[in-house]
Protein backbone atom coordinates (compact mmCIF):
# COMPACT_ATOMS: atom_id res chain seq x y z
CA MET A 1 120.12 98.65 166.12
CA ARG A 2 122.47 101.09 165.51
CA ALA A 3 120.78 102.29 162.59
CA ASP A 4 117.81 102.43 165.38
CA ALA A 5 119.85 104.95 167.03
CA LYS A 6 120.76 107.38 164.19
CA ALA A 7 117.03 107.95 163.90
CA PHE A 8 116.59 110.04 167.65
CA LYS A 9 120.40 110.75 167.82
CA LYS A 10 120.29 114.34 169.50
CA LEU A 11 124.45 115.51 168.22
CA PHE A 12 126.60 117.57 170.80
CA PRO A 13 125.67 121.42 171.38
CA GLN A 14 127.73 123.28 168.52
CA GLN A 15 128.29 126.24 171.25
CA HIS A 16 130.20 124.02 173.68
CA ILE A 17 133.24 123.48 170.50
CA PRO A 18 135.12 127.45 171.41
CA SER A 19 134.62 127.64 174.70
CA ILE A 20 136.02 123.44 175.29
CA LEU A 21 139.02 124.60 172.42
CA THR A 22 139.36 127.53 174.73
CA SER A 23 139.87 126.38 177.55
CA LEU A 24 142.36 123.97 176.62
CA PHE A 25 144.38 126.53 175.12
CA GLN A 26 144.25 127.68 178.71
CA ALA A 27 145.58 124.75 180.05
CA GLY A 28 148.21 124.30 178.28
CA GLU A 29 149.53 127.57 178.69
CA THR A 30 151.65 125.80 182.11
CA LEU A 31 151.34 122.28 180.79
CA ARG A 32 155.41 121.14 180.03
CA LYS A 33 156.47 117.95 179.20
CA ARG A 34 158.82 116.70 182.33
CA ALA A 35 161.08 114.76 180.17
CA GLU A 36 161.69 113.93 176.40
CA ASN A 37 160.22 110.85 176.55
CA ASP A 38 157.45 112.01 178.49
CA ARG A 39 154.47 109.28 178.09
CA GLU A 40 150.97 110.93 176.23
CA ASP A 41 148.86 109.61 178.10
CA TRP A 42 151.24 110.84 182.08
CA ILE A 43 151.08 114.27 179.42
CA THR A 44 147.34 113.51 178.95
CA ARG A 45 146.48 113.20 182.64
CA ARG A 46 148.78 116.79 183.40
CA LEU A 47 146.35 118.21 180.79
CA TYR A 48 142.94 117.32 182.67
CA ARG A 49 144.19 117.60 186.05
CA ARG A 50 144.08 121.50 184.77
CA LEU A 51 141.30 121.08 182.75
CA VAL A 52 138.99 119.96 185.77
CA ILE A 53 139.84 123.09 187.50
CA ILE A 54 138.25 125.48 184.72
CA PRO A 55 134.80 126.68 185.32
CA THR A 56 133.32 124.99 182.55
CA PHE A 57 133.92 121.68 183.67
CA ARG A 58 134.94 123.13 187.40
CA ASP A 59 130.80 123.72 187.26
CA GLY A 60 129.28 122.16 184.90
CA PRO A 61 127.09 122.06 182.36
CA LEU A 62 129.75 120.22 180.30
CA GLY A 63 132.21 117.51 182.40
CA ILE A 64 135.13 116.37 181.18
CA HIS A 65 136.37 112.31 181.33
CA LEU A 66 140.02 111.53 181.04
CA LYS A 67 140.73 107.35 179.14
CA PRO A 68 136.42 106.96 179.28
CA GLU A 69 135.42 103.43 176.76
CA ILE A 70 133.67 103.81 174.27
CA ILE A 71 130.46 101.67 174.11
CA SER A 72 130.10 99.19 171.94
CA THR A 73 126.73 98.33 170.72
CA GLU A 74 126.62 95.37 170.38
CA LEU A 75 125.47 94.57 173.96
CA ASP A 76 127.08 90.66 175.02
CA LEU A 77 130.22 92.27 173.60
CA ASP A 78 133.04 91.27 176.15
CA THR A 79 135.59 94.22 175.11
CA HIS A 80 135.29 98.14 173.99
CA THR A 81 135.36 99.32 170.83
CA GLY A 82 138.57 102.11 171.93
CA GLU A 83 140.16 104.83 174.90
CA ILE A 84 139.50 107.94 173.87
CA ASP A 85 142.30 110.10 175.61
CA LEU A 86 139.18 112.61 176.72
CA PHE A 87 135.45 113.16 176.17
CA VAL A 88 133.07 116.43 176.74
CA SER A 89 129.94 114.94 178.24
CA CYS A 90 126.50 117.73 178.20
CA ALA A 91 124.24 115.98 179.50
CA LEU A 92 122.33 114.92 176.92
CA GLY A 93 123.53 111.11 177.32
CA TYR A 94 126.23 108.48 176.86
CA GLU A 95 126.13 108.44 173.13
CA VAL A 96 126.09 112.40 173.45
CA TYR A 97 129.77 113.62 174.07
CA PHE A 98 132.90 115.66 171.68
CA PRO A 99 136.03 113.64 171.82
CA ILE A 100 139.77 115.19 172.00
CA GLU A 101 142.32 112.40 171.43
CA ALA A 102 146.41 112.95 171.29
CA LYS A 103 149.50 112.49 169.90
CA ARG A 104 153.50 113.08 170.49
CA LEU A 105 154.78 115.85 167.82
CA ARG A 106 158.62 116.32 167.16
CA PHE A 107 159.58 114.44 170.13
CA LEU A 108 163.05 112.38 169.63
CA SER A 109 163.96 108.23 169.63
CA SER A 110 165.79 107.24 172.14
CA GLU A 111 168.93 107.17 169.42
CA GLY A 112 168.59 111.80 169.89
CA LYS A 113 166.30 112.35 166.34
CA VAL A 114 163.35 113.84 166.65
CA ILE A 115 160.63 112.11 165.62
CA PRO A 116 157.25 113.98 163.48
CA GLY A 117 154.69 111.96 165.30
CA SER A 118 152.91 112.52 161.73
CA ALA A 119 152.35 109.11 160.26
CA ALA A 120 150.55 108.63 164.26
CA TYR A 121 148.71 111.87 164.55
CA VAL A 122 146.46 110.43 161.01
CA SER A 123 146.80 107.05 161.25
CA ASP A 124 145.95 106.34 165.25
CA GLY A 125 143.63 109.71 165.64
CA MET A 126 141.67 111.15 162.67
CA MET A 127 140.98 107.45 161.58
CA ARG A 128 139.49 106.32 164.58
CA PHE A 129 137.22 109.01 164.45
CA ILE A 130 136.64 108.38 160.12
CA THR A 131 135.87 105.08 160.98
CA GLY A 132 133.20 106.09 163.78
CA GLN A 133 134.97 103.37 165.58
CA TYR A 134 135.53 106.99 168.26
CA SER A 135 132.56 108.68 166.94
CA PRO A 136 130.10 106.48 165.26
CA TYR A 137 127.35 109.50 165.90
CA MET A 138 128.37 113.19 166.59
CA GLN A 139 129.75 115.53 163.47
CA ALA A 140 133.45 117.35 165.26
CA ALA A 141 136.08 116.22 167.45
CA ALA A 142 139.49 117.45 168.10
CA MET A 143 143.16 116.32 167.51
CA LEU A 144 145.57 117.62 170.09
CA GLY A 145 149.06 117.71 169.92
CA TYR A 146 151.56 118.17 171.87
CA VAL A 147 154.57 119.57 170.27
CA PHE A 148 157.93 118.69 172.11
CA ASP A 149 160.04 121.57 170.92
CA VAL A 150 159.95 125.34 169.20
CA LYS A 151 158.93 124.38 165.98
CA ILE A 152 154.86 124.16 165.82
CA ASP A 153 154.69 125.77 162.61
CA VAL A 154 157.25 123.26 161.31
CA ALA A 155 154.87 120.46 163.86
CA ARG A 156 151.93 122.02 161.59
CA SER A 157 153.14 121.97 158.58
CA ASP A 158 154.41 117.95 159.01
CA ILE A 159 150.30 117.72 159.61
CA ASP A 160 148.95 119.39 156.63
CA LYS A 161 151.11 117.43 154.72
CA ALA A 162 149.89 113.67 156.09
CA VAL A 163 146.91 114.79 156.12
CA ARG A 164 147.41 115.78 152.36
CA LYS A 165 148.49 112.08 151.34
CA LYS A 166 145.91 110.65 152.82
CA ALA A 167 143.17 112.37 151.71
CA MET A 168 141.22 109.61 150.14
CA GLU A 169 141.20 107.38 152.84
CA LEU A 170 140.45 110.48 155.57
CA LYS A 171 137.46 111.77 153.16
CA LEU A 172 138.91 114.68 152.78
CA LYS A 173 135.79 117.20 150.83
CA PHE A 174 137.28 120.61 149.80
CA PRO A 175 140.46 122.51 150.62
CA GLU A 176 141.87 119.01 151.68
CA GLN A 177 144.26 119.94 154.02
CA LEU A 178 144.80 122.10 157.14
CA SER A 179 143.46 125.01 156.77
CA ARG A 180 143.19 127.86 159.80
CA SER A 181 139.44 127.85 161.60
CA SER A 182 137.31 130.79 162.24
CA ILE A 183 136.04 129.32 165.62
CA LEU A 184 138.19 131.09 167.45
CA PRO A 185 139.61 135.32 166.78
CA ASP A 186 142.27 134.71 169.09
CA ASN A 187 143.89 131.36 169.36
CA PRO A 188 145.50 129.37 166.24
CA VAL A 189 142.49 126.40 165.33
CA ASP A 190 142.90 124.14 162.20
CA GLU A 191 140.36 122.68 161.42
CA THR A 192 139.43 119.52 158.58
CA HIS A 193 136.31 118.50 157.16
CA HIS A 194 135.96 115.83 155.96
CA ASP A 195 132.37 113.59 153.77
CA LEU A 196 131.73 110.18 156.18
CA GLU A 197 128.87 109.62 153.50
CA GLU A 198 125.73 110.01 156.11
CA ARG A 199 127.10 112.91 158.07
CA PRO A 200 129.67 115.86 157.45
CA PHE A 201 132.62 115.48 159.97
CA ILE A 202 135.04 118.18 160.75
CA ILE A 203 138.08 117.72 163.48
CA TYR A 204 140.04 120.62 164.70
CA HIS A 205 143.36 120.22 165.01
CA VAL A 206 145.06 122.52 168.48
CA PHE A 207 148.95 122.34 168.89
CA LEU A 208 150.35 122.78 171.79
CA HIS A 209 153.90 123.94 173.03
CA ILE A 210 154.26 121.65 175.77
């Protein structure tokens, strides 16, 4: 069934991606952690409340959705294939969307130790796109890093090192690292390029100091 679907699958319109990423920065301006043990899901819910009132999503045609289930192509399966943090729909069908996965970075453990969060960002975030679990048909997605301290440059460096280390598993294309994107001239967005054999894939990386 999936093979047949690929023959007519529409792609998410690329021209919408800059406004989506801009909206993340805009909503992130007033987003702050409430405690050092603030949970990722709680932060994302507060981010979502800020996003839905931004004209890009409030007035359409784009829609922003919180914690949607990714539906399996197996019609009789009793479970979903995953639950992504956010995705943006564009009125082209339920399988045409721009997915966004969020992770905490540089947060404190219960012992007061700084946890980089880069390993989970790669293995439990980026890899979900590479395997097709979160985005089986599309060619672009975003990773969102909630940086718990002011050290965004350090967080970015940690992610870059983790990405390089897992270059083969991530199916990275040249230059096999985080690279500054030109998609938003006024905001620092990174990107990584991946070869998923049947399709190219790009992940945009946005880091917010919360």
